[in-house]
């Protein structure tokens, strides 16, 4: 079986911010990430391309990753 390469990465700054989020938001973000790993094109992820060559995904009202 061929292993697929990862298409995601996060900075240490991201993890610092993530760890300061409320528990409920962290759980939502983890569920979105699991969905992303299963189906990166799932419409509920609501991806938005950023000018800096990165992407942003909606986690919930007021939260983006």
Protein backbone atom coordinates (compact mmCIF):
# COMPACT_ATOMS: atom_id res chain seq x y z
CA UNK A 1 0.00 0.00 0.00
CA UNK A 2 1.34 3.42 -0.94
CA UNK A 3 1.46 5.94 1.87
CA UNK A 4 -0.01 9.33 1.02
CA UNK A 5 1.95 12.41 1.93
CA UNK A 6 0.53 14.91 4.37
CA UNK A 7 -0.85 18.07 2.87
CA UNK A 8 -1.14 19.97 6.12
CA UNK A 9 1.14 21.63 8.64
CA UNK A 10 0.81 24.04 11.52
CA UNK A 11 3.21 26.48 13.10
CA UNK A 12 4.12 26.61 16.77
CA UNK A 13 2.23 29.92 16.87
CA UNK A 14 -0.89 28.07 15.67
CA UNK A 15 -0.55 25.52 18.48
CA UNK A 16 -0.05 28.26 21.07
CA UNK A 17 -3.28 29.89 19.90
CA UNK A 18 -5.10 26.54 19.64
CA UNK A 19 -4.20 25.60 23.20
CA UNK A 20 -5.70 28.89 24.44
CA UNK A 21 -9.08 28.27 22.79
CA UNK A 22 -12.09 27.18 24.86
CA UNK A 23 -12.43 23.38 25.09
CA UNK A 24 -15.62 23.36 23.00
CA UNK A 25 -13.88 25.18 20.14
CA UNK A 26 -10.88 22.84 20.32
CA UNK A 27 -13.24 19.86 20.00
CA UNK A 28 -14.94 21.43 16.95
CA UNK A 29 -11.55 22.10 15.39
CA UNK A 30 -10.45 18.51 15.96
CA UNK A 31 -13.65 17.20 14.35
CA UNK A 32 -13.09 19.46 11.34
CA UNK A 33 -9.52 18.21 11.04
CA UNK A 34 -10.65 14.58 11.14
CA UNK A 35 -13.17 15.39 8.41
CA UNK A 36 -10.42 17.11 6.42
CA UNK A 37 -8.21 14.01 6.64
CA UNK A 38 -11.08 11.82 5.36
CA UNK A 39 -12.29 14.23 2.68
CA UNK A 40 -10.30 17.45 2.11
CA UNK A 41 -12.92 18.68 -0.36
CA UNK A 42 -15.92 18.32 1.93
CA UNK A 43 -18.08 21.44 1.45
CA UNK A 44 -18.70 21.96 5.16
CA UNK A 45 -15.00 22.78 5.63
CA UNK A 46 -15.59 26.14 3.91
CA UNK A 47 -11.98 26.69 2.83
CA UNK A 48 -10.78 30.13 1.83
CA UNK A 49 -7.48 30.68 0.00
CA UNK A 50 -5.30 33.39 1.55
CA UNK A 51 -2.95 35.68 -0.37
CA UNK A 52 0.06 34.23 1.42
CA UNK A 53 -0.30 30.79 -0.19
CA UNK A 54 -2.14 29.25 2.75
CA UNK A 55 -5.73 28.26 3.36
CA UNK A 56 -8.17 29.09 6.13
CA UNK A 57 -11.00 26.85 7.29
CA UNK A 58 -14.09 27.87 9.24
CA UNK A 59 -14.32 26.19 12.65
CA UNK A 60 -17.42 27.96 13.91
CA UNK A 61 -18.84 31.42 14.32
CA UNK A 62 -15.87 33.68 14.93
CA UNK A 63 -13.20 30.98 14.70
CA UNK A 64 -10.92 30.19 11.75
CA UNK A 65 -7.83 28.02 11.41
